[in-house]
Amino acid sequence: MVKKPKVVGELLFQGKDSGEQFQFYFRQHWIRLLWPLLKTGTWNLLLLFIGYEMFTTGAITDTTARHALALILAFFFLLSQWEFISRFYRYFLYVTIVTDKKVHRIKKTLLAIDMHESVDLWLLQDIIKSQRGIVQNMMGFGSLILEGQNQPLLRIHFTPRIADNYTKLMHLRERARSTLGA
């Protein structure tokens, strides 16, 4: 078995060119998981209430009916957990990586989808920062729209720390343009 050499200070990822240097990365804002978490919690409380009412009050005395109800409640509990875990993995496997030359947006799922979009920084005509509503402004997230030749090349929604990431991207774009012209 051949071991790959460990490179210190460099991040290897799918689609990376040999001349690129990693700058920073980010995932979507954690608020993206708030709705699935609330939904799962609500389902769990509802299932707990139904189970408590049915089994402790003696509403169902037949053993077979009690077992069937327990199986149905367990099925819905597992279904709600599965939905949350799948949303969590989708959140975790959606990453945006910025190098000194490109912006890479990588979306993966465990089995089915593997999507990688890259945009050269020197091609960007404009970077638009969009925050809609009071929640996005208070929580510090929004959308980044990377435009080139009057068309959006890449949209990155739920960008955390949008002001910092916007400033870093603008700086890297100007640096990429200046090194291209030199």
Protein backbone atom coordinates (compact mmCIF):
# COMPACT_ATOMS: atom_id res chain seq x y z
CA MET A 1 0.00 0.00 0.00
CA VAL A 2 1.47 3.31 -1.12
CA LYS A 3 1.03 6.28 1.19
CA LYS A 4 0.49 9.72 -0.26
CA PRO A 5 2.86 12.39 1.03
CA LYS A 6 1.25 14.72 3.51
CA VAL A 7 1.37 18.33 2.35
CA VAL A 8 1.31 20.83 5.20
CA GLY A 9 -0.67 24.03 4.68
CA GLU A 10 -2.39 22.92 1.48
CA LEU A 11 -5.90 21.59 1.02
CA LEU A 12 -6.47 18.99 -1.67
CA PHE A 13 -9.95 18.83 -3.17
CA GLN A 14 -11.69 17.69 -6.32
CA GLY A 15 -11.12 20.01 -9.28
CA LYS A 16 -8.12 21.83 -7.85
CA ASP A 17 -5.49 22.90 -10.37
CA SER A 18 -1.85 22.36 -9.49
CA GLY A 19 -1.03 26.08 -9.46
CA GLU A 20 -3.86 27.14 -7.16
CA GLN A 21 -3.30 28.05 -3.54
CA PHE A 22 -6.09 27.56 -1.01
CA GLN A 23 -7.33 30.80 0.59
CA PHE A 24 -10.49 30.01 2.57
CA TYR A 25 -13.69 27.98 2.52
CA PHE A 26 -17.19 28.20 3.95
CA ARG A 27 -20.37 26.22 4.18
CA GLN A 28 -23.89 27.58 4.21
CA HIS A 29 -25.08 29.44 7.29
CA TRP A 30 -26.27 27.25 10.17
CA ILE A 31 -29.74 28.80 9.95
CA ARG A 32 -30.27 26.54 6.94
CA LEU A 33 -30.66 23.67 9.46
CA LEU A 34 -33.10 25.51 11.73
CA TRP A 35 -36.30 24.47 9.93
CA PRO A 36 -35.39 20.74 9.70
CA LEU A 37 -34.40 20.79 13.39
CA LEU A 38 -37.69 22.41 14.44
CA LYS A 39 -39.65 20.00 12.24
CA THR A 40 -37.90 16.97 13.74
CA GLY A 41 -38.41 18.27 17.27
CA THR A 42 -42.10 18.89 16.64
CA TRP A 43 -42.58 15.38 15.21
CA ASN A 44 -40.76 13.86 18.20
CA LEU A 45 -42.90 15.75 20.71
CA LEU A 46 -46.08 14.79 18.87
CA LEU A 47 -45.08 11.12 18.76
CA LEU A 48 -44.11 11.21 22.44
CA PHE A 49 -47.46 12.75 23.37
CA ILE A 50 -49.43 10.19 21.32
CA GLY A 51 -47.43 7.31 22.77
CA TYR A 52 -47.81 8.59 26.32
CA GLU A 53 -51.56 9.10 25.96
CA MET A 54 -52.18 5.73 24.34
CA PHE A 55 -50.00 3.61 26.59
CA THR A 56 -50.39 5.19 30.04
CA THR A 57 -54.11 5.98 30.06
CA GLY A 58 -55.11 2.45 29.09
CA ALA A 59 -56.98 3.59 25.98
CA ILE A 60 -55.76 0.51 24.14
CA THR A 61 -55.96 -2.75 26.06
CA ASP A 62 -55.39 -5.23 23.25
CA THR A 63 -51.76 -6.36 23.16
CA THR A 64 -51.65 -6.73 19.37
CA ALA A 65 -53.01 -3.21 18.88
CA ARG A 66 -50.46 -1.83 21.36
CA HIS A 67 -47.63 -3.53 19.48
CA ALA A 68 -48.93 -2.26 16.12
CA LEU A 69 -49.19 1.29 17.50
CA ALA A 70 -45.67 1.04 18.93
CA LEU A 71 -44.34 -0.07 15.54
CA ILE A 72 -46.15 2.77 13.76
CA LEU A 73 -44.79 5.33 16.23
CA ALA A 74 -41.27 3.89 15.89
CA PHE A 75 -41.54 4.06 12.08
CA PHE A 76 -42.53 7.75 12.14
CA PHE A 77 -39.80 8.50 14.70
CA LEU A 78 -37.16 6.88 12.49
CA LEU A 79 -38.55 8.64 9.43
CA SER A 80 -38.23 12.06 11.09
CA GLN A 81 -34.68 11.26 12.23
CA TRP A 82 -33.72 10.08 8.73
CA GLU A 83 -35.01 13.29 7.20
CA PHE A 84 -33.00 15.43 9.60
CA ILE A 85 -29.82 13.42 9.11
CA SER A 86 -30.14 13.61 5.32
CA ARG A 87 -30.60 17.40 5.52
CA PHE A 88 -27.59 17.63 7.85
CA TYR A 89 -25.41 15.67 5.41
CA ARG A 90 -26.56 17.84 2.52
CA TYR A 91 -25.63 20.90 4.58
CA PHE A 92 -22.26 19.45 5.54
CA LEU A 93 -21.33 18.29 2.02
CA TYR A 94 -22.14 21.63 0.34
CA VAL A 95 -18.95 23.66 0.50
CA THR A 96 -17.53 26.70 -1.28
CA ILE A 97 -13.74 26.79 -1.59
CA VAL A 98 -11.89 29.92 -2.65
CA THR A 99 -8.36 29.76 -4.00
CA ASP A 100 -6.13 32.53 -5.31
CA LYS A 101 -7.42 31.86 -8.86
CA LYS A 102 -10.92 30.34 -8.64
CA VAL A 103 -14.11 29.96 -6.66
CA HIS A 104 -15.21 26.32 -6.43
CA ARG A 105 -18.73 25.36 -5.33
CA ILE A 106 -18.95 21.67 -4.51
CA LYS A 107 -22.26 19.94 -3.83
CA LYS A 108 -22.25 16.28 -2.92
CA THR A 109 -24.61 13.74 -1.49
CA LEU A 110 -23.64 10.37 -0.17
CA LEU A 111 -24.48 8.44 -3.34
CA ALA A 112 -26.30 10.25 -6.10
CA ILE A 113 -25.07 13.78 -6.77
CA ASP A 114 -21.58 15.13 -7.28
CA MET A 115 -21.70 18.64 -8.72
CA HIS A 116 -18.69 20.91 -9.01
CA GLU A 117 -18.83 24.43 -10.43
CA SER A 118 -15.77 26.65 -10.77
CA VAL A 119 -15.37 30.27 -11.78
CA ASP A 120 -12.07 32.01 -12.50
CA LEU A 121 -11.67 35.10 -10.34
CA TRP A 122 -10.25 37.20 -13.16
CA LEU A 123 -13.42 36.54 -15.24
CA LEU A 124 -15.69 38.15 -12.65
CA GLN A 125 -17.08 41.49 -13.74
CA ASP A 126 -18.94 42.08 -10.50
CA ILE A 127 -19.59 40.47 -7.14
CA ILE A 128 -23.01 41.33 -5.73
CA LYS A 129 -23.78 40.97 -2.05
CA SER A 130 -27.48 40.53 -1.32
CA GLN A 131 -29.08 40.50 2.13
CA ARG A 132 -32.87 40.50 2.23
CA GLY A 133 -34.79 41.21 5.37
CA ILE A 134 -33.97 41.91 8.95
CA VAL A 135 -33.08 38.29 9.82
CA GLN A 136 -30.34 38.08 7.20
CA ASN A 137 -28.91 41.44 8.31
CA MET A 138 -29.00 40.53 12.00
CA MET A 139 -27.54 37.04 11.50
CA GLY A 140 -24.92 38.24 8.98
CA PHE A 141 -25.70 35.98 6.03
CA GLY A 142 -27.02 36.44 2.52
CA SER A 143 -26.30 35.60 -1.10
CA LEU A 144 -23.24 36.27 -3.22
CA ILE A 145 -23.83 36.55 -6.94
CA LEU A 146 -20.68 36.27 -9.05
CA GLU A 147 -21.33 37.95 -12.41
CA GLY A 148 -19.43 37.95 -15.66
CA GLN A 149 -20.41 39.72 -18.89
CA ASN A 150 -23.87 40.71 -17.57
CA GLN A 151 -24.88 37.18 -16.61
CA PRO A 152 -24.65 35.39 -13.28
CA LEU A 153 -21.90 32.79 -13.34
CA LEU A 154 -22.45 31.47 -9.83
CA ARG A 155 -24.94 32.09 -7.03
CA ILE A 156 -23.94 31.20 -3.50
CA HIS A 157 -26.92 31.30 -1.15
CA PHE A 158 -26.85 31.35 2.67
CA THR A 159 -23.27 32.66 2.74
CA PRO A 160 -22.19 33.09 6.38
CA ARG A 161 -20.22 36.18 7.48
CA ILE A 162 -21.17 37.71 4.14
CA ALA A 163 -19.42 41.05 4.72
CA ASP A 164 -16.06 39.36 5.43
CA ASN A 165 -16.39 36.87 2.57
CA TYR A 166 -17.43 39.64 0.16
CA THR A 167 -14.38 41.74 1.12
CA LYS A 168 -12.02 38.77 0.77
CA LEU A 169 -13.47 37.86 -2.65
CA MET A 170 -13.16 41.45 -3.91
CA HIS A 171 -9.54 41.58 -2.77
CA LEU A 172 -8.72 38.21 -4.37
CA ARG A 173 -10.45 39.24 -7.62
CA GLU A 174 -8.36 42.43 -7.84
CA ARG A 175 -5.19 40.48 -7.04
CA ALA A 176 -6.02 37.88 -9.72
CA ARG A 177 -6.62 40.63 -12.28
CA SER A 178 -3.40 42.43 -11.41
CA THR A 179 -1.29 39.26 -11.69
CA LEU A 180 -2.97 38.42 -15.00
CA GLY A 181 -2.09 41.81 -16.46
CA ALA A 182 1.52 41.70 -15.20
